[in-house]
Amino acid sequence: MSNVYKVIEVIGNSPTSYAEASKVALAAAAKSVRAISWFEVKNLGGKVQDGKVVNFQVKLNVAFKVVTD
């Protein structure tokens, strides 16, 4: 049996780290998307204020299995 997947893009933010920003994005996506299978980091960025990093931003591709039943 073959599987089919759909990929969506989500962006997460955190004042702590890129890892935390990724977890925030995946947790939010999981609230409305079933069967998330994997993610891929597409872009890292953030906000600098007064010479210090104050926000980490991660853009993710998130794949989930297309359920047909």
PDB file of N, CA and C in Angstrom:
ATOM      1  N   MET A   1       0.834  -1.170   0.000  1.00  0.00           N
ATOM      2  CA  MET A   1       0.000   0.000   0.000  1.00  0.00           C
ATOM      3  C   MET A   1       0.888   1.246   0.000  1.00  0.00           C
ATOM      4  N   SER A   2       0.580   2.185  -0.863  1.00  0.00           N
ATOM      5  CA  SER A   2       1.327   3.429  -0.962  1.00  0.00           C
ATOM      6  C   SER A   2       0.734   4.484  -0.047  1.00  0.00           C
ATOM      7  N   ASN A   3       1.580   5.375   0.423  1.00  0.00           N
ATOM      8  CA  ASN A   3       1.137   6.480   1.257  1.00  0.00           C
ATOM      9  C   ASN A   3       1.277   7.787   0.498  1.00  0.00           C
ATOM     10  N   VAL A   4       0.406   8.723   0.800  1.00  0.00           N
ATOM     11  CA  VAL A   4       0.451  10.052   0.199  1.00  0.00           C
ATOM     12  C   VAL A   4       0.587  11.058   1.335  1.00  0.00           C
ATOM     13  N   TYR A   5       1.439  12.051   1.140  1.00  0.00           N
ATOM     14  CA  TYR A   5       1.681  13.061   2.160  1.00  0.00           C
ATOM     15  C   TYR A   5       1.441  14.452   1.591  1.00  0.00           C
ATOM     16  N   LYS A   6       1.007  15.347   2.447  1.00  0.00           N
ATOM     17  CA  LYS A   6       0.852  16.761   2.109  1.00  0.00           C
ATOM     18  C   LYS A   6       1.859  17.530   2.941  1.00  0.00           C
ATOM     19  N   VAL A   7       2.421  18.592   2.375  1.00  0.00           N
ATOM     20  CA  VAL A   7       3.392  19.418   3.079  1.00  0.00           C
ATOM     21  C   VAL A   7       2.823  20.822   3.246  1.00  0.00           C
ATOM     22  N   ILE A   8       2.894  21.331   4.470  1.00  0.00           N
ATOM     23  CA  ILE A   8       2.487  22.703   4.758  1.00  0.00           C
ATOM     24  C   ILE A   8       3.687  23.452   5.333  1.00  0.00           C
ATOM     25  N   GLU A   9       3.619  24.763   5.320  1.00  0.00           N
ATOM     26  CA  GLU A   9       4.679  25.580   5.886  1.00  0.00           C
ATOM     27  C   GLU A   9       4.152  26.289   7.129  1.00  0.00           C
ATOM     28  N   VAL A  10       4.912  26.226   8.204  1.00  0.00           N
ATOM     29  CA  VAL A  10       4.555  26.923   9.442  1.00  0.00           C
ATOM     30  C   VAL A  10       5.781  27.678   9.940  1.00  0.00           C
ATOM     31  N   ILE A  11       5.520  28.720  10.714  1.00  0.00           N
ATOM     32  CA  ILE A  11       6.596  29.527  11.280  1.00  0.00           C
ATOM     33  C   ILE A  11       6.397  29.604  12.779  1.00  0.00           C
ATOM     34  N   GLY A  12       7.435  29.278  13.537  1.00  0.00           N
ATOM     35  CA  GLY A  12       7.385  29.347  14.990  1.00  0.00           C
ATOM     36  C   GLY A  12       8.343  30.396  15.519  1.00  0.00           C
ATOM     37  N   ASN A  13       7.989  30.984  16.645  1.00  0.00           N
ATOM     38  CA  ASN A  13       8.816  32.008  17.283  1.00  0.00           C
ATOM     39  C   ASN A  13       9.033  31.663  18.743  1.00  0.00           C
ATOM     40  N   SER A  14      10.197  32.059  19.262  1.00  0.00           N
ATOM     41  CA  SER A  14      10.497  31.851  20.675  1.00  0.00           C
ATOM     42  C   SER A  14      11.559  32.850  21.116  1.00  0.00           C
ATOM     43  N   PRO A  15      11.452  33.350  22.326  1.00  0.00           N
ATOM     44  CA  PRO A  15      12.520  34.197  22.846  1.00  0.00           C
ATOM     45  C   PRO A  15      13.713  33.375  23.353  1.00  0.00           C
ATOM     46  N   THR A  16      13.576  32.048  23.378  1.00  0.00           N
ATOM     47  CA  THR A  16      14.572  31.161  23.984  1.00  0.00           C
ATOM     48  C   THR A  16      15.582  30.581  22.997  1.00  0.00           C
ATOM     49  N   SER A  17      15.064  29.908  21.931  1.00  0.00           N
ATOM     50  CA  SER A  17      15.967  29.196  21.019  1.00  0.00           C
ATOM     51  C   SER A  17      15.253  28.778  19.741  1.00  0.00           C
ATOM     52  N   TYR A  18      16.057  28.366  18.755  1.00  0.00           N
ATOM     53  CA  TYR A  18      15.486  27.818  17.519  1.00  0.00           C
ATOM     54  C   TYR A  18      14.753  26.508  17.803  1.00  0.00           C
ATOM     55  N   ALA A  19      15.311  25.689  18.684  1.00  0.00           N
ATOM     56  CA  ALA A  19      14.663  24.419  19.022  1.00  0.00           C
ATOM     57  C   ALA A  19      13.286  24.667  19.629  1.00  0.00           C
ATOM     58  N   GLU A  20      13.214  25.616  20.526  1.00  0.00           N
ATOM     59  CA  GLU A  20      11.922  25.937  21.146  1.00  0.00           C
ATOM     60  C   GLU A  20      10.947  26.503  20.122  1.00  0.00           C
ATOM     61  N   ALA A  21      11.433  27.323  19.201  1.00  0.00           N
ATOM     62  CA  ALA A  21      10.574  27.864  18.142  1.00  0.00           C
ATOM     63  C   ALA A  21      10.015  26.737  17.268  1.00  0.00           C
ATOM     64  N   SER A  22      10.834  25.717  16.999  1.00  0.00           N
ATOM     65  CA  SER A  22      10.374  24.558  16.220  1.00  0.00           C
ATOM     66  C   SER A  22       9.290  23.792  16.975  1.00  0.00           C
ATOM     67  N   LYS A  23       9.497  23.597  18.272  1.00  0.00           N
ATOM     68  CA  LYS A  23       8.501  22.891  19.090  1.00  0.00           C
ATOM     69  C   LYS A  23       7.194  23.658  19.151  1.00  0.00           C
ATOM     70  N   VAL A  24       7.268  24.972  19.260  1.00  0.00           N
ATOM     71  CA  VAL A  24       6.066  25.817  19.283  1.00  0.00           C
ATOM     72  C   VAL A  24       5.287  25.664  17.971  1.00  0.00           C
ATOM     73  N   ALA A  25       5.991  25.726  16.853  1.00  0.00           N
ATOM     74  CA  ALA A  25       5.338  25.602  15.546  1.00  0.00           C
ATOM     75  C   ALA A  25       4.690  24.233  15.368  1.00  0.00           C
ATOM     76  N   LEU A  26       5.399  23.175  15.745  1.00  0.00           N
ATOM     77  CA  LEU A  26       4.853  21.820  15.591  1.00  0.00           C
ATOM     78  C   LEU A  26       3.673  21.570  16.522  1.00  0.00           C
ATOM     79  N   ALA A  27       3.743  22.078  17.732  1.00  0.00           N
ATOM     80  CA  ALA A  27       2.631  21.906  18.671  1.00  0.00           C
ATOM     81  C   ALA A  27       1.382  22.622  18.167  1.00  0.00           C
ATOM     82  N   ALA A  28       1.559  23.810  17.616  1.00  0.00           N
ATOM     83  CA  ALA A  28       0.412  24.550  17.079  1.00  0.00           C
ATOM     84  C   ALA A  28      -0.179  23.826  15.867  1.00  0.00           C
ATOM     85  N   ALA A  29       0.671  23.324  14.985  1.00  0.00           N
ATOM     86  CA  ALA A  29       0.187  22.601  13.806  1.00  0.00           C
ATOM     87  C   ALA A  29      -0.551  21.334  14.208  1.00  0.00           C
ATOM     88  N   ALA A  30      -0.062  20.647  15.236  1.00  0.00           N
ATOM     89  CA  ALA A  30      -0.674  19.385  15.680  1.00  0.00           C
ATOM     90  C   ALA A  30      -2.084  19.580  16.248  1.00  0.00           C
ATOM     91  N   LYS A  31      -2.440  20.808  16.612  1.00  0.00           N
ATOM     92  CA  LYS A  31      -3.787  21.073  17.121  1.00  0.00           C
ATOM     93  C   LYS A  31      -4.846  20.976  16.024  1.00  0.00           C
ATOM     94  N   SER A  32      -4.432  21.185  14.767  1.00  0.00           N
ATOM     95  CA  SER A  32      -5.420  21.144  13.688  1.00  0.00           C
ATOM     96  C   SER A  32      -5.078  20.180  12.550  1.00  0.00           C
ATOM     97  N   VAL A  33      -3.917  19.546  12.618  1.00  0.00           N
ATOM     98  CA  VAL A  33      -3.491  18.622  11.561  1.00  0.00           C
ATOM     99  C   VAL A  33      -3.208  17.259  12.179  1.00  0.00           C
ATOM    100  N   ARG A  34      -3.823  16.222  11.609  1.00  0.00           N
ATOM    101  CA  ARG A  34      -3.595  14.858  12.084  1.00  0.00           C
ATOM    102  C   ARG A  34      -2.440  14.216  11.330  1.00  0.00           C
ATOM    103  N   ALA A  35      -1.868  13.222  11.926  1.00  0.00           N
ATOM    104  CA  ALA A  35      -0.886  12.335  11.284  1.00  0.00           C
ATOM    105  C   ALA A  35       0.362  13.064  10.783  1.00  0.00           C
ATOM    106  N   ILE A  36       0.872  14.022  11.579  1.00  0.00           N
ATOM    107  CA  ILE A  36       2.138  14.656  11.210  1.00  0.00           C
ATOM    108  C   ILE A  36       3.238  13.602  11.269  1.00  0.00           C
ATOM    109  N   SER A  37       4.035  13.531  10.205  1.00  0.00           N
ATOM    110  CA  SER A  37       5.048  12.486  10.081  1.00  0.00           C
ATOM    111  C   SER A  37       6.475  12.999  10.221  1.00  0.00           C
ATOM    112  N   TRP A  38       6.761  14.180   9.697  1.00  0.00           N
ATOM    113  CA  TRP A  38       8.118  14.707   9.739  1.00  0.00           C
ATOM    114  C   TRP A  38       8.098  16.205   9.517  1.00  0.00           C
ATOM    115  N   PHE A  39       9.236  16.830   9.799  1.00  0.00           N
ATOM    116  CA  PHE A  39       9.393  18.246   9.495  1.00  0.00           C
ATOM    117  C   PHE A  39      10.792  18.501   8.969  1.00  0.00           C
ATOM    118  N   GLU A  40      10.944  19.608   8.274  1.00  0.00           N
ATOM    119  CA  GLU A  40      12.220  20.011   7.712  1.00  0.00           C
ATOM    120  C   GLU A  40      12.402  21.494   7.985  1.00  0.00           C
ATOM    121  N   VAL A  41      13.534  21.875   8.533  1.00  0.00           N
ATOM    122  CA  VAL A  41      13.818  23.289   8.774  1.00  0.00           C
ATOM    123  C   VAL A  41      14.191  23.933   7.442  1.00  0.00           C
ATOM    124  N   LYS A  42      13.449  24.978   7.074  1.00  0.00           N
ATOM    125  CA  LYS A  42      13.689  25.660   5.808  1.00  0.00           C
ATOM    126  C   LYS A  42      14.488  26.947   5.982  1.00  0.00           C
ATOM    127  N   ASN A  43      14.276  27.625   7.123  1.00  0.00           N
ATOM    128  CA  ASN A  43      14.908  28.919   7.298  1.00  0.00           C
ATOM    129  C   ASN A  43      15.013  29.251   8.784  1.00  0.00           C
ATOM    130  N   LEU A  44      16.102  29.876   9.156  1.00  0.00           N
ATOM    131  CA  LEU A  44      16.281  30.362  10.522  1.00  0.00           C
ATOM    132  C   LEU A  44      16.446  31.875  10.458  1.00  0.00           C
ATOM    133  N   GLY A  45      15.856  32.549  11.408  1.00  0.00           N
ATOM    134  CA  GLY A  45      15.986  33.999  11.475  1.00  0.00           C
ATOM    135  C   GLY A  45      15.706  34.460  12.881  1.00  0.00           C
ATOM    136  N   GLY A  46      15.580  35.747  13.035  1.00  0.00           N
ATOM    137  CA  GLY A  46      15.282  36.264  14.355  1.00  0.00           C
ATOM    138  C   GLY A  46      15.267  37.772  14.383  1.00  0.00           C
ATOM    139  N   LYS A  47      15.075  38.293  15.558  1.00  0.00           N
ATOM    140  CA  LYS A  47      15.005  39.726  15.763  1.00  0.00           C
ATOM    141  C   LYS A  47      16.124  40.152  16.706  1.00  0.00           C
ATOM    142  N   VAL A  48      16.784  41.241  16.361  1.00  0.00           N
ATOM    143  CA  VAL A  48      17.853  41.791  17.180  1.00  0.00           C
ATOM    144  C   VAL A  48      17.402  43.155  17.696  1.00  0.00           C
ATOM    145  N   GLN A  49      17.596  43.365  18.974  1.00  0.00           N
ATOM    146  CA  GLN A  49      17.240  44.637  19.586  1.00  0.00           C
ATOM    147  C   GLN A  49      18.388  45.070  20.506  1.00  0.00           C
ATOM    148  N   ASP A  50      18.866  46.269  20.308  1.00  0.00           N
ATOM    149  CA  ASP A  50      19.988  46.787  21.097  1.00  0.00           C
ATOM    150  C   ASP A  50      21.190  45.841  21.063  1.00  0.00           C
ATOM    151  N   GLY A  51      21.433  45.254  19.899  1.00  0.00           N
ATOM    152  CA  GLY A  51      22.581  44.378  19.725  1.00  0.00           C
ATOM    153  C   GLY A  51      22.450  42.984  20.293  1.00  0.00           C
ATOM    154  N   LYS A  52      21.260  42.638  20.778  1.00  0.00           N
ATOM    155  CA  LYS A  52      21.040  41.311  21.360  1.00  0.00           C
ATOM    156  C   LYS A  52      19.890  40.602  20.658  1.00  0.00           C
ATOM    157  N   VAL A  53      20.013  39.292  20.532  1.00  0.00           N
ATOM    158  CA  VAL A  53      18.928  38.487  19.960  1.00  0.00           C
ATOM    159  C   VAL A  53      17.782  38.441  20.969  1.00  0.00           C
ATOM    160  N   VAL A  54      16.591  38.865  20.524  1.00  0.00           N
ATOM    161  CA  VAL A  54      15.431  38.862  21.415  1.00  0.00           C
ATOM    162  C   VAL A  54      14.348  37.894  20.951  1.00  0.00           C
ATOM    163  N   ASN A  55      14.494  37.354  19.735  1.00  0.00           N
ATOM    164  CA  ASN A  55      13.495  36.408  19.230  1.00  0.00           C
ATOM    165  C   ASN A  55      14.127  35.512  18.175  1.00  0.00           C
ATOM    166  N   PHE A  56      13.825  34.231  18.267  1.00  0.00           N
ATOM    167  CA  PHE A  56      14.275  33.244  17.287  1.00  0.00           C
ATOM    168  C   PHE A  56      13.077  32.842  16.440  1.00  0.00           C
ATOM    169  N   GLN A  57      13.263  32.768  15.121  1.00  0.00           N
ATOM    170  CA  GLN A  57      12.173  32.390  14.221  1.00  0.00           C
ATOM    171  C   GLN A  57      12.626  31.230  13.334  1.00  0.00           C
ATOM    172  N   VAL A  58      11.759  30.240  13.199  1.00  0.00           N
ATOM    173  CA  VAL A  58      12.047  29.061  12.380  1.00  0.00           C
ATOM    174  C   VAL A  58      10.900  28.833  11.402  1.00  0.00           C
ATOM    175  N   LYS A  59      11.250  28.665  10.135  1.00  0.00           N
ATOM    176  CA  LYS A  59      10.261  28.309   9.116  1.00  0.00           C
ATOM    177  C   LYS A  59      10.419  26.821   8.833  1.00  0.00           C
ATOM    178  N   LEU A  60       9.326  26.065   8.973  1.00  0.00           N
ATOM    179  CA  LEU A  60       9.360  24.616   8.805  1.00  0.00           C
ATOM    180  C   LEU A  60       8.427  24.158   7.697  1.00  0.00           C
ATOM    181  N   ASN A  61       8.842  23.151   6.965  1.00  0.00           N
ATOM    182  CA  ASN A  61       7.914  22.370   6.166  1.00  0.00           C
ATOM    183  C   ASN A  61       7.484  21.207   7.048  1.00  0.00           C
ATOM    184  N   VAL A  62       6.198  20.992   7.149  1.00  0.00           N
ATOM    185  CA  VAL A  62       5.648  19.924   7.984  1.00  0.00           C
ATOM    186  C   VAL A  62       4.832  18.994   7.089  1.00  0.00           C
ATOM    187  N   ALA A  63       5.136  17.720   7.131  1.00  0.00           N
ATOM    188  CA  ALA A  63       4.427  16.752   6.296  1.00  0.00           C
ATOM    189  C   ALA A  63       3.477  15.913   7.151  1.00  0.00           C
ATOM    190  N   PHE A  64       2.315  15.653   6.584  1.00  0.00           N
ATOM    191  CA  PHE A  64       1.374  14.769   7.260  1.00  0.00           C
ATOM    192  C   PHE A  64       0.756  13.821   6.249  1.00  0.00           C
ATOM    193  N   LYS A  65       0.401  12.652   6.743  1.00  0.00           N
ATOM    194  CA  LYS A  65      -0.164  11.614   5.889  1.00  0.00           C
ATOM    195  C   LYS A  65      -1.594  11.977   5.524  1.00  0.00           C
ATOM    196  N   VAL A  66      -1.906  11.862   4.255  1.00  0.00           N
ATOM    197  CA  VAL A  66      -3.268  12.081   3.789  1.00  0.00           C
ATOM    198  C   VAL A  66      -4.088  10.847   4.144  1.00  0.00           C
ATOM    199  N   VAL A  67      -5.112  11.063   4.967  1.00  0.00           N
ATOM    200  CA  VAL A  67      -5.964   9.979   5.429  1.00  0.00           C
ATOM    201  C   VAL A  67      -7.229   9.962   4.580  1.00  0.00           C
ATOM    202  N   THR A  68      -7.540   8.797   4.001  1.00  0.00           N
ATOM    203  CA  THR A  68      -8.655   8.732   3.069  1.00  0.00           C
ATOM    204  C   THR A  68      -9.886   8.017   3.636  1.00  0.00           C
ATOM    205  N   ASP A  69      -9.886   7.668   4.951  1.00  0.00           N
ATOM    206  CA  ASP A  69     -11.058   6.972   5.476  1.00  0.00           C
ATOM    207  C   ASP A  69     -11.922   7.892   6.294  1.00  0.00           C
TER     208      ASP A  69
END
